[in-house]
PDB file of all heavy atoms in Angstrom:
ATOM      1  N   THR A   1      -5.747  15.913 -12.725  1.00  0.00           N
ATOM      2  CA  THR A   1      -5.834  15.660 -14.219  1.00  0.00           C
ATOM      3  C   THR A   1      -5.831  14.164 -14.496  1.00  0.00           C
ATOM      4  O   THR A   1      -6.598  13.670 -15.309  1.00  0.00           O
ATOM      5  CB  THR A   1      -4.630  16.364 -14.891  1.00  0.00           C
ATOM      6  OG1 THR A   1      -4.678  17.732 -14.609  1.00  0.00           O
ATOM      7  CG2 THR A   1      -4.708  16.197 -16.405  1.00  0.00           C
ATOM      8  N   ASP A   2      -4.959  13.457 -13.836  1.00  0.00           N
ATOM      9  CA  ASP A   2      -4.935  11.972 -14.033  1.00  0.00           C
ATOM     10  C   ASP A   2      -6.253  11.322 -13.638  1.00  0.00           C
ATOM     11  O   ASP A   2      -6.756  10.432 -14.367  1.00  0.00           O
ATOM     12  CB  ASP A   2      -3.825  11.331 -13.167  1.00  0.00           C
ATOM     13  CG  ASP A   2      -2.429  11.710 -13.659  1.00  0.00           C
ATOM     14  OD1 ASP A   2      -2.314  12.157 -14.855  1.00  0.00           O
ATOM     15  OD2 ASP A   2      -1.460  11.570 -12.912  1.00  0.00           O
ATOM     16  N   MET A   3      -6.852  11.773 -12.538  1.00  0.00           N
ATOM     17  CA  MET A   3      -8.164  11.249 -12.136  1.00  0.00           C
ATOM     18  C   MET A   3      -9.210  11.509 -13.197  1.00  0.00           C
ATOM     19  O   MET A   3     -10.025  10.627 -13.517  1.00  0.00           O
ATOM     20  CB  MET A   3      -8.572  11.851 -10.804  1.00  0.00           C
ATOM     21  CG  MET A   3      -9.913  11.313 -10.279  1.00  0.00           C
ATOM     22  SD  MET A   3     -10.523  12.183  -8.852  1.00  0.00           S
ATOM     23  CE  MET A   3     -10.851  13.810  -9.533  1.00  0.00           C
ATOM     24  N   LEU A   4      -9.221  12.719 -13.724  1.00  0.00           N
ATOM     25  CA  LEU A   4     -10.212  13.072 -14.751  1.00  0.00           C
ATOM     26  C   LEU A   4      -9.996  12.282 -16.030  1.00  0.00           C
ATOM     27  O   LEU A   4     -10.958  11.885 -16.695  1.00  0.00           O
ATOM     28  CB  LEU A   4     -10.205  14.561 -15.046  1.00  0.00           C
ATOM     29  CG  LEU A   4     -10.722  15.474 -13.894  1.00  0.00           C
ATOM     30  CD1 LEU A   4     -10.464  16.933 -14.190  1.00  0.00           C
ATOM     31  CD2 LEU A   4     -12.164  15.231 -13.632  1.00  0.00           C
ATOM     32  N   GLU A   5      -8.785  12.062 -16.379  1.00  0.00           N
ATOM     33  CA  GLU A   5      -8.469  11.295 -17.596  1.00  0.00           C
ATOM     34  C   GLU A   5      -8.921   9.862 -17.411  1.00  0.00           C
ATOM     35  O   GLU A   5      -9.474   9.258 -18.362  1.00  0.00           O
ATOM     36  CB  GLU A   5      -6.977  11.306 -17.888  1.00  0.00           C
ATOM     37  CG  GLU A   5      -6.485  12.611 -18.483  1.00  0.00           C
ATOM     38  CD  GLU A   5      -4.988  12.653 -18.684  1.00  0.00           C
ATOM     39  OE1 GLU A   5      -4.299  11.692 -18.331  1.00  0.00           O
ATOM     40  OE2 GLU A   5      -4.511  13.670 -19.232  1.00  0.00           O
ATOM     41  N   ASP A   6      -8.796   9.308 -16.223  1.00  0.00           N
ATOM     42  CA  ASP A   6      -9.266   7.920 -15.962  1.00  0.00           C
ATOM     43  C   ASP A   6     -10.779   7.843 -16.080  1.00  0.00           C
ATOM     44  O   ASP A   6     -11.313   6.940 -16.659  1.00  0.00           O
ATOM     45  CB  ASP A   6      -8.825   7.475 -14.574  1.00  0.00           C
ATOM     46  CG  ASP A   6      -7.346   7.226 -14.449  1.00  0.00           C
ATOM     47  OD1 ASP A   6      -6.691   6.999 -15.562  1.00  0.00           O
ATOM     48  OD2 ASP A   6      -6.800   7.206 -13.337  1.00  0.00           O
ATOM     49  N   ARG A   7     -11.459   8.859 -15.611  1.00  0.00           N
ATOM     50  CA  ARG A   7     -12.932   8.909 -15.675  1.00  0.00           C
ATOM     51  C   ARG A   7     -13.338   8.967 -17.160  1.00  0.00           C
ATOM     52  O   ARG A   7     -14.337   8.316 -17.513  1.00  0.00           O
ATOM     53  CB  ARG A   7     -13.491  10.076 -14.961  1.00  0.00           C
ATOM     54  CG  ARG A   7     -13.477   9.913 -13.452  1.00  0.00           C
ATOM     55  CD  ARG A   7     -14.137  11.024 -12.718  1.00  0.00           C
ATOM     56  NE  ARG A   7     -14.158  10.850 -11.300  1.00  0.00           N
ATOM     57  CZ  ARG A   7     -14.761  11.639 -10.449  1.00  0.00           C
ATOM     58  NH1 ARG A   7     -15.419  12.687 -10.919  1.00  0.00           N
ATOM     59  NH2 ARG A   7     -14.790  11.379  -9.183  1.00  0.00           N
ATOM     60  N   VAL A   8     -12.689   9.777 -17.905  1.00  0.00           N
ATOM     61  CA  VAL A   8     -13.052   9.894 -19.336  1.00  0.00           C
ATOM     62  C   VAL A   8     -12.798   8.586 -20.066  1.00  0.00           C
ATOM     63  O   VAL A   8     -13.653   8.163 -20.903  1.00  0.00           O
ATOM     64  CB  VAL A   8     -12.231  11.075 -20.012  1.00  0.00           C
ATOM     65  CG1 VAL A   8     -12.390  11.009 -21.513  1.00  0.00           C
ATOM     66  CG2 VAL A   8     -12.690  12.401 -19.456  1.00  0.00           C
ATOM     67  N   ARG A   9     -11.688   7.907 -19.725  1.00  0.00           N
ATOM     68  CA  ARG A   9     -11.485   6.591 -20.364  1.00  0.00           C
ATOM     69  C   ARG A   9     -12.585   5.597 -20.015  1.00  0.00           C
ATOM     70  O   ARG A   9     -13.085   4.833 -20.921  1.00  0.00           O
ATOM     71  CB  ARG A   9     -10.143   5.975 -19.854  1.00  0.00           C
ATOM     72  CG  ARG A   9      -8.964   6.590 -20.563  1.00  0.00           C
ATOM     73  CD  ARG A   9      -7.653   5.849 -20.206  1.00  0.00           C
ATOM     74  NE  ARG A   9      -6.528   6.670 -20.462  1.00  0.00           N
ATOM     75  CZ  ARG A   9      -5.840   7.365 -19.546  1.00  0.00           C
ATOM     76  NH1 ARG A   9      -6.147   7.218 -18.283  1.00  0.00           N
ATOM     77  NH2 ARG A   9      -4.808   8.119 -19.828  1.00  0.00           N
ATOM     78  N   VAL A  10     -13.027   5.603 -18.791  1.00  0.00           N
ATOM     79  CA  VAL A  10     -14.116   4.675 -18.373  1.00  0.00           C
ATOM     80  C   VAL A  10     -15.434   5.045 -19.128  1.00  0.00           C
ATOM     81  O   VAL A  10     -16.120   4.155 -19.636  1.00  0.00           O
ATOM     82  CB  VAL A  10     -14.380   4.760 -16.883  1.00  0.00           C
ATOM     83  CG1 VAL A  10     -15.669   4.055 -16.448  1.00  0.00           C
ATOM     84  CG2 VAL A  10     -13.186   4.124 -16.114  1.00  0.00           C
ATOM     85  N   LEU A  11     -15.700   6.333 -19.207  1.00  0.00           N
ATOM     86  CA  LEU A  11     -16.882   6.727 -19.961  1.00  0.00           C
ATOM     87  C   LEU A  11     -16.822   6.382 -21.424  1.00  0.00           C
ATOM     88  O   LEU A  11     -17.837   5.954 -22.003  1.00  0.00           O
ATOM     89  CB  LEU A  11     -17.103   8.255 -19.784  1.00  0.00           C
ATOM     90  CG  LEU A  11     -17.557   8.672 -18.375  1.00  0.00           C
ATOM     91  CD1 LEU A  11     -17.580  10.188 -18.322  1.00  0.00           C
ATOM     92  CD2 LEU A  11     -18.914   8.103 -18.037  1.00  0.00           C
ATOM     93  N   GLU A  12     -15.663   6.528 -22.031  1.00  0.00           N
ATOM     94  CA  GLU A  12     -15.499   6.174 -23.416  1.00  0.00           C
ATOM     95  C   GLU A  12     -15.678   4.676 -23.586  1.00  0.00           C
ATOM     96  O   GLU A  12     -16.332   4.213 -24.577  1.00  0.00           O
ATOM     97  CB  GLU A  12     -14.071   6.535 -23.937  1.00  0.00           C
ATOM     98  CG  GLU A  12     -13.945   8.010 -24.117  1.00  0.00           C
ATOM     99  CD  GLU A  12     -12.473   8.425 -24.485  1.00  0.00           C
ATOM    100  OE1 GLU A  12     -11.573   7.587 -24.316  1.00  0.00           O
ATOM    101  OE2 GLU A  12     -12.286   9.565 -24.990  1.00  0.00           O
ATOM    102  N   ARG A  13     -15.166   3.857 -22.693  1.00  0.00           N
ATOM    103  CA  ARG A  13     -15.311   2.422 -22.771  1.00  0.00           C
ATOM    104  C   ARG A  13     -16.781   2.031 -22.674  1.00  0.00           C
ATOM    105  O   ARG A  13     -17.280   1.198 -23.416  1.00  0.00           O
ATOM    106  CB  ARG A  13     -14.488   1.739 -21.765  1.00  0.00           C
ATOM    107  CG  ARG A  13     -14.397   0.210 -21.964  1.00  0.00           C
ATOM    108  CD  ARG A  13     -13.522  -0.463 -20.920  1.00  0.00           C
ATOM    109  NE  ARG A  13     -14.177  -0.462 -19.594  1.00  0.00           N
ATOM    110  CZ  ARG A  13     -13.657   0.075 -18.525  1.00  0.00           C
ATOM    111  NH1 ARG A  13     -12.473   0.642 -18.536  1.00  0.00           N
ATOM    112  NH2 ARG A  13     -14.310   0.067 -17.404  1.00  0.00           N
ATOM    113  N   LEU A  14     -17.477   2.647 -21.743  1.00  0.00           N
ATOM    114  CA  LEU A  14     -18.928   2.350 -21.541  1.00  0.00           C
ATOM    115  C   LEU A  14     -19.678   2.718 -22.866  1.00  0.00           C
ATOM    116  O   LEU A  14     -20.603   2.031 -23.219  1.00  0.00           O
ATOM    117  CB  LEU A  14     -19.444   3.102 -20.328  1.00  0.00           C
ATOM    118  CG  LEU A  14     -19.021   2.611 -18.977  1.00  0.00           C
ATOM    119  CD1 LEU A  14     -19.559   3.521 -17.905  1.00  0.00           C
ATOM    120  CD2 LEU A  14     -19.553   1.181 -18.766  1.00  0.00           C
ATOM    121  N   ALA A  15     -19.358   3.873 -23.373  1.00  0.00           N
ATOM    122  CA  ALA A  15     -20.090   4.329 -24.554  1.00  0.00           C
ATOM    123  C   ALA A  15     -19.830   3.461 -25.777  1.00  0.00           C
ATOM    124  O   ALA A  15     -20.749   3.156 -26.532  1.00  0.00           O
ATOM    125  CB  ALA A  15     -19.763   5.760 -24.878  1.00  0.00           C
ATOM    126  N   THR A  16     -18.614   3.002 -25.897  1.00  0.00           N
ATOM    127  CA  THR A  16     -18.296   2.184 -27.107  1.00  0.00           C
ATOM    128  C   THR A  16     -18.686   0.721 -26.910  1.00  0.00           C
ATOM    129  O   THR A  16     -19.129   0.071 -27.831  1.00  0.00           O
ATOM    130  CB  THR A  16     -16.813   2.301 -27.490  1.00  0.00           C
ATOM    131  OG1 THR A  16     -16.006   1.892 -26.325  1.00  0.00           O
ATOM    132  CG2 THR A  16     -16.459   3.682 -27.885  1.00  0.00           C
ATOM    133  N   ASP A  17     -18.547   0.167 -25.720  1.00  0.00           N
ATOM    134  CA  ASP A  17     -18.879  -1.195 -25.469  1.00  0.00           C
ATOM    135  C   ASP A  17     -20.367  -1.486 -25.584  1.00  0.00           C
ATOM    136  O   ASP A  17     -20.818  -2.495 -26.085  1.00  0.00           O
ATOM    137  CB  ASP A  17     -18.340  -1.694 -24.114  1.00  0.00           C
ATOM    138  CG  ASP A  17     -16.800  -1.800 -24.096  1.00  0.00           C
ATOM    139  OD1 ASP A  17     -16.220  -1.740 -25.211  1.00  0.00           O
ATOM    140  OD2 ASP A  17     -16.276  -1.963 -22.967  1.00  0.00           O
ATOM    141  N   ARG A  18     -21.098  -0.549 -25.040  1.00  0.00           N
ATOM    142  CA  ARG A  18     -22.596  -0.756 -25.063  1.00  0.00           C
ATOM    143  C   ARG A  18     -23.224  -0.224 -26.383  1.00  0.00           C
ATOM    144  O   ARG A  18     -24.416  -0.246 -26.468  1.00  0.00           O
ATOM    145  CB  ARG A  18     -23.214  -0.009 -23.900  1.00  0.00           C
ATOM    146  CG  ARG A  18     -22.914  -0.755 -22.565  1.00  0.00           C
ATOM    147  CD  ARG A  18     -23.910  -0.441 -21.512  1.00  0.00           C
ATOM    148  NE  ARG A  18     -25.241  -0.046 -21.876  1.00  0.00           N
ATOM    149  CZ  ARG A  18     -26.316  -0.811 -21.827  1.00  0.00           C
ATOM    150  NH1 ARG A  18     -26.207  -2.101 -21.599  1.00  0.00           N
ATOM    151  NH2 ARG A  18     -27.518  -0.357 -22.120  1.00  0.00           N
ATOM    152  N   GLY A  19     -22.406   0.182 -27.325  1.00  0.00           N
ATOM    153  CA  GLY A  19     -22.978   0.822 -28.504  1.00  0.00           C
ATOM    154  C   GLY A  19     -23.842  -0.126 -29.264  1.00  0.00           C
ATOM    155  O   GLY A  19     -24.986   0.219 -29.658  1.00  0.00           O
ATOM    156  N   ALA A  20     -23.402  -1.354 -29.502  1.00  0.00           N
ATOM    157  CA  ALA A  20     -24.210  -2.324 -30.272  1.00  0.00           C
ATOM    158  C   ALA A  20     -25.433  -2.723 -29.473  1.00  0.00           C
ATOM    159  O   ALA A  20     -26.552  -2.807 -30.033  1.00  0.00           O
ATOM    160  CB  ALA A  20     -23.344  -3.533 -30.616  1.00  0.00           C
ATOM    161  N   THR A  21     -25.267  -2.969 -28.198  1.00  0.00           N
ATOM    162  CA  THR A  21     -26.398  -3.388 -27.368  1.00  0.00           C
ATOM    163  C   THR A  21     -27.421  -2.243 -27.279  1.00  0.00           C
ATOM    164  O   THR A  21     -28.649  -2.514 -27.306  1.00  0.00           O
ATOM    165  CB  THR A  21     -25.862  -3.798 -25.953  1.00  0.00           C
ATOM    166  OG1 THR A  21     -24.858  -4.732 -26.075  1.00  0.00           O
ATOM    167  CG2 THR A  21     -27.004  -4.346 -25.132  1.00  0.00           C
ATOM    168  N   LEU A  22     -26.977  -1.062 -27.102  1.00  0.00           N
ATOM    169  CA  LEU A  22     -27.855   0.058 -26.964  1.00  0.00           C
ATOM    170  C   LEU A  22     -28.630   0.254 -28.305  1.00  0.00           C
ATOM    171  O   LEU A  22     -29.829   0.512 -28.288  1.00  0.00           O
ATOM    172  CB  LEU A  22     -27.094   1.316 -26.627  1.00  0.00           C
ATOM    173  CG  LEU A  22     -27.830   2.620 -26.403  1.00  0.00           C
ATOM    174  CD1 LEU A  22     -28.841   2.398 -25.235  1.00  0.00           C
ATOM    175  CD2 LEU A  22     -26.922   3.729 -26.097  1.00  0.00           C
ATOM    176  N   ALA A  23     -27.960   0.093 -29.452  1.00  0.00           N
ATOM    177  CA  ALA A  23     -28.683   0.214 -30.729  1.00  0.00           C
ATOM    178  C   ALA A  23     -29.686  -0.876 -30.871  1.00  0.00           C
ATOM    179  O   ALA A  23     -30.806  -0.589 -31.367  1.00  0.00           O
ATOM    180  CB  ALA A  23     -27.645   0.134 -31.838  1.00  0.00           C
ATOM    181  N   ASP A  24     -29.428  -2.054 -30.414  1.00  0.00           N
ATOM    182  CA  ASP A  24     -30.406  -3.146 -30.501  1.00  0.00           C
ATOM    183  C   ASP A  24     -31.633  -2.838 -29.634  1.00  0.00           C
ATOM    184  O   ASP A  24     -32.760  -3.082 -29.985  1.00  0.00           O
ATOM    185  CB  ASP A  24     -29.778  -4.482 -30.059  1.00  0.00           C
ATOM    186  CG  ASP A  24     -28.739  -4.988 -31.037  1.00  0.00           C
ATOM    187  OD1 ASP A  24     -28.748  -4.496 -32.205  1.00  0.00           O
ATOM    188  OD2 ASP A  24     -27.854  -5.786 -30.622  1.00  0.00           O
ATOM    189  N   GLU A  25     -31.376  -2.270 -28.375  1.00  0.00           N
ATOM    190  CA  GLU A  25     -32.471  -1.960 -27.516  1.00  0.00           C
ATOM    191  C   GLU A  25     -33.282  -0.833 -28.068  1.00  0.00           C
ATOM    192  O   GLU A  25     -34.526  -0.879 -27.988  1.00  0.00           O
ATOM    193  CB  GLU A  25     -31.910  -1.506 -26.154  1.00  0.00           C
ATOM    194  CG  GLU A  25     -31.311  -2.641 -25.326  1.00  0.00           C
ATOM    195  CD  GLU A  25     -30.611  -2.102 -24.063  1.00  0.00           C
ATOM    196  OE1 GLU A  25     -30.780  -0.941 -23.712  1.00  0.00           O
ATOM    197  OE2 GLU A  25     -29.983  -2.984 -23.363  1.00  0.00           O
ATOM    198  N   ILE A  26     -32.722   0.125 -28.737  1.00  0.00           N
ATOM    199  CA  ILE A  26     -33.455   1.219 -29.380  1.00  0.00           C
ATOM    200  C   ILE A  26     -34.330   0.674 -30.475  1.00  0.00           C
ATOM    201  O   ILE A  26     -35.513   1.040 -30.622  1.00  0.00           O
ATOM    202  CB  ILE A  26     -32.479   2.309 -29.889  1.00  0.00           C
ATOM    203  CG1 ILE A  26     -31.902   3.033 -28.733  1.00  0.00           C
ATOM    204  CG2 ILE A  26     -33.256   3.286 -30.782  1.00  0.00           C
ATOM    205  CD1 ILE A  26     -30.791   4.038 -29.076  1.00  0.00           C
ATOM    206  N   GLU A  27     -33.779  -0.221 -31.304  1.00  0.00           N
ATOM    207  CA  GLU A  27     -34.593  -0.836 -32.399  1.00  0.00           C
ATOM    208  C   GLU A  27     -35.727  -1.664 -31.854  1.00  0.00           C
ATOM    209  O   GLU A  27     -36.816  -1.624 -32.400  1.00  0.00           O
ATOM    210  CB  GLU A  27     -33.656  -1.696 -33.263  1.00  0.00           C
ATOM    211  CG  GLU A  27     -32.706  -0.930 -34.128  1.00  0.00           C
ATOM    212  CD  GLU A  27     -33.463   0.041 -35.102  1.00  0.00           C
ATOM    213  OE1 GLU A  27     -34.503  -0.305 -35.651  1.00  0.00           O
ATOM    214  OE2 GLU A  27     -32.950   1.218 -35.228  1.00  0.00           O
ATOM    215  N   ALA A  28     -35.477  -2.381 -30.723  1.00  0.00           N
ATOM    216  CA  ALA A  28     -36.567  -3.172 -30.139  1.00  0.00           C
ATOM    217  C   ALA A  28     -37.663  -2.243 -29.628  1.00  0.00           C
ATOM    218  O   ALA A  28     -38.861  -2.505 -29.806  1.00  0.00           O
ATOM    219  CB  ALA A  28     -36.020  -4.005 -28.976  1.00  0.00           C
ATOM    220  N   LEU A  29     -37.280  -1.093 -29.012  1.00  0.00           N
ATOM    221  CA  LEU A  29     -38.326  -0.173 -28.604  1.00  0.00           C
ATOM    222  C   LEU A  29     -39.115   0.385 -29.766  1.00  0.00           C
ATOM    223  O   LEU A  29     -40.300   0.595 -29.732  1.00  0.00           O
ATOM    224  CB  LEU A  29     -37.663   0.936 -27.788  1.00  0.00           C
ATOM    225  CG  LEU A  29     -37.188   0.606 -26.368  1.00  0.00           C
ATOM    226  CD1 LEU A  29     -36.429   1.763 -25.799  1.00  0.00           C
ATOM    227  CD2 LEU A  29     -38.321   0.206 -25.521  1.00  0.00           C
ATOM    228  N   ARG A  30     -38.364   0.679 -30.837  1.00  0.00           N
ATOM    229  CA  ARG A  30     -39.088   1.235 -32.063  1.00  0.00           C
ATOM    230  C   ARG A  30     -40.039   0.162 -32.633  1.00  0.00           C
ATOM    231  O   ARG A  30     -41.141   0.496 -32.995  1.00  0.00           O
ATOM    232  CB  ARG A  30     -38.058   1.601 -33.112  1.00  0.00           C
ATOM    233  CG  ARG A  30     -37.307   2.892 -32.841  1.00  0.00           C
ATOM    234  CD  ARG A  30     -36.377   3.248 -33.968  1.00  0.00           C
ATOM    235  NE  ARG A  30     -35.640   4.393 -33.653  1.00  0.00           N
ATOM    236  CZ  ARG A  30     -34.492   4.703 -34.191  1.00  0.00           C
ATOM    237  NH1 ARG A  30     -33.936   3.969 -35.151  1.00  0.00           N
ATOM    238  NH2 ARG A  30     -33.854   5.848 -33.841  1.00  0.00           N
ATOM    239  N   ASP A  31     -39.622  -1.068 -32.639  1.00  0.00           N
ATOM    240  CA  ASP A  31     -40.476  -2.143 -33.148  1.00  0.00           C
ATOM    241  C   ASP A  31     -41.713  -2.275 -32.287  1.00  0.00           C
ATOM    242  O   ASP A  31     -42.838  -2.427 -32.737  1.00  0.00           O
ATOM    243  CB  ASP A  31     -39.749  -3.456 -33.276  1.00  0.00           C
ATOM    244  CG  ASP A  31     -38.624  -3.455 -34.322  1.00  0.00           C
ATOM    245  OD1 ASP A  31     -38.713  -2.522 -35.220  1.00  0.00           O
ATOM    246  OD2 ASP A  31     -37.761  -4.289 -34.259  1.00  0.00           O
ATOM    247  N   ASP A  32     -41.453  -2.236 -30.979  1.00  0.00           N
ATOM    248  CA  ASP A  32     -42.579  -2.359 -30.017  1.00  0.00           C
ATOM    249  C   ASP A  32     -43.550  -1.222 -30.161  1.00  0.00           C
ATOM    250  O   ASP A  32     -44.779  -1.370 -30.164  1.00  0.00           O
ATOM    251  CB  ASP A  32     -42.002  -2.436 -28.597  1.00  0.00           C
ATOM    252  CG  ASP A  32     -43.094  -2.748 -27.567  1.00  0.00           C
ATOM    253  OD1 ASP A  32     -43.932  -3.606 -27.887  1.00  0.00           O
ATOM    254  OD2 ASP A  32     -43.079  -2.180 -26.452  1.00  0.00           O
ATOM    255  N   ARG A  33     -43.023  -0.028 -30.276  1.00  0.00           N
ATOM    256  CA  ARG A  33     -43.863   1.168 -30.434  1.00  0.00           C
ATOM    257  C   ARG A  33     -44.644   1.112 -31.743  1.00  0.00           C
ATOM    258  O   ARG A  33     -45.819   1.499 -31.785  1.00  0.00           O
ATOM    259  CB  ARG A  33     -43.007   2.436 -30.419  1.00  0.00           C
ATOM    260  CG  ARG A  33     -43.791   3.699 -30.309  1.00  0.00           C
ATOM    261  CD  ARG A  33     -42.968   4.947 -30.238  1.00  0.00           C
ATOM    262  NE  ARG A  33     -42.212   4.927 -28.984  1.00  0.00           N
ATOM    263  CZ  ARG A  33     -41.205   5.775 -28.788  1.00  0.00           C
ATOM    264  NH1 ARG A  33     -40.820   6.595 -29.701  1.00  0.00           N
ATOM    265  NH2 ARG A  33     -40.500   5.702 -27.674  1.00  0.00           N
ATOM    266  N   ALA A  34     -43.995   0.636 -32.833  1.00  0.00           N
ATOM    267  CA  ALA A  34     -44.664   0.556 -34.090  1.00  0.00           C
ATOM    268  C   ALA A  34     -45.789  -0.495 -33.997  1.00  0.00           C
ATOM    269  O   ALA A  34     -46.873  -0.298 -34.550  1.00  0.00           O
ATOM    270  CB  ALA A  34     -43.706   0.161 -35.197  1.00  0.00           C
ATOM    271  N   GLY A  35     -45.556  -1.612 -33.325  1.00  0.00           N
ATOM    272  CA  GLY A  35     -46.594  -2.656 -33.166  1.00  0.00           C
ATOM    273  C   GLY A  35     -47.787  -2.067 -32.372  1.00  0.00           C
ATOM    274  O   GLY A  35     -48.952  -2.350 -32.689  1.00  0.00           O
ATOM    275  N   LYS A  36     -47.535  -1.307 -31.305  1.00  0.00           N
ATOM    276  CA  LYS A  36     -48.578  -0.710 -30.537  1.00  0.00           C
ATOM    277  C   LYS A  36     -49.381   0.281 -31.390  1.00  0.00           C
ATOM    278  O   LYS A  36     -50.568   0.334 -31.207  1.00  0.00           O
ATOM    279  CB  LYS A  36     -48.044  -0.047 -29.283  1.00  0.00           C
ATOM    280  CG  LYS A  36     -47.578  -1.039 -28.220  1.00  0.00           C
ATOM    281  CD  LYS A  36     -47.096  -0.272 -26.983  1.00  0.00           C
ATOM    282  CE  LYS A  36     -46.593  -1.254 -25.917  1.00  0.00           C
ATOM    283  NZ  LYS A  36     -46.017  -0.525 -24.784  1.00  0.00           N
ATOM    284  N   GLY A  37     -48.660   1.014 -32.193  1.00  0.00           N
ATOM    285  CA  GLY A  37     -49.315   1.985 -33.059  1.00  0.00           C
ATOM    286  C   GLY A  37     -50.274   1.352 -33.970  1.00  0.00           C
ATOM    287  O   GLY A  37     -51.390   1.851 -34.239  1.00  0.00           O
ATOM    288  N   VAL A  38     -49.916   0.193 -34.549  1.00  0.00           N
ATOM    289  CA  VAL A  38     -50.792  -0.500 -35.441  1.00  0.00           C
ATOM    290  C   VAL A  38     -52.007  -1.045 -34.722  1.00  0.00           C
ATOM    291  O   VAL A  38     -53.140  -0.909 -35.179  1.00  0.00           O
ATOM    292  CB  VAL A  38     -50.036  -1.714 -36.153  1.00  0.00           C
ATOM    293  CG1 VAL A  38     -50.934  -2.617 -36.841  1.00  0.00           C
ATOM    294  CG2 VAL A  38     -48.903  -1.191 -37.034  1.00  0.00           C
ATOM    295  N   ARG A  39     -51.808  -1.584 -33.492  1.00  0.00           N
ATOM    296  CA  ARG A  39     -52.932  -2.123 -32.698  1.00  0.00           C
ATOM    297  C   ARG A  39     -53.902  -0.968 -32.326  1.00  0.00           C
ATOM    298  O   ARG A  39     -55.070  -1.144 -32.349  1.00  0.00           O
ATOM    299  CB  ARG A  39     -52.368  -2.775 -31.471  1.00  0.00           C
ATOM    300  CG  ARG A  39     -51.889  -4.222 -31.742  1.00  0.00           C
ATOM    301  CD  ARG A  39     -51.488  -4.926 -30.501  1.00  0.00           C
ATOM    302  NE  ARG A  39     -50.027  -4.997 -30.527  1.00  0.00           N
ATOM    303  CZ  ARG A  39     -49.204  -4.788 -29.510  1.00  0.00           C
ATOM    304  NH1 ARG A  39     -49.714  -4.527 -28.353  1.00  0.00           N
ATOM    305  NH2 ARG A  39     -47.949  -4.892 -29.628  1.00  0.00           N
TER     306      ARG A  39
END
């Protein structure tokens, strides 16, 4: 149980720490896709 709780904590930290960066990457992909669509 302790091992599983530690894993969940690590996953939560990864999900919350990369949240802003991940959102920026998604927006960049959307912008890139929109630009390609126009071209």
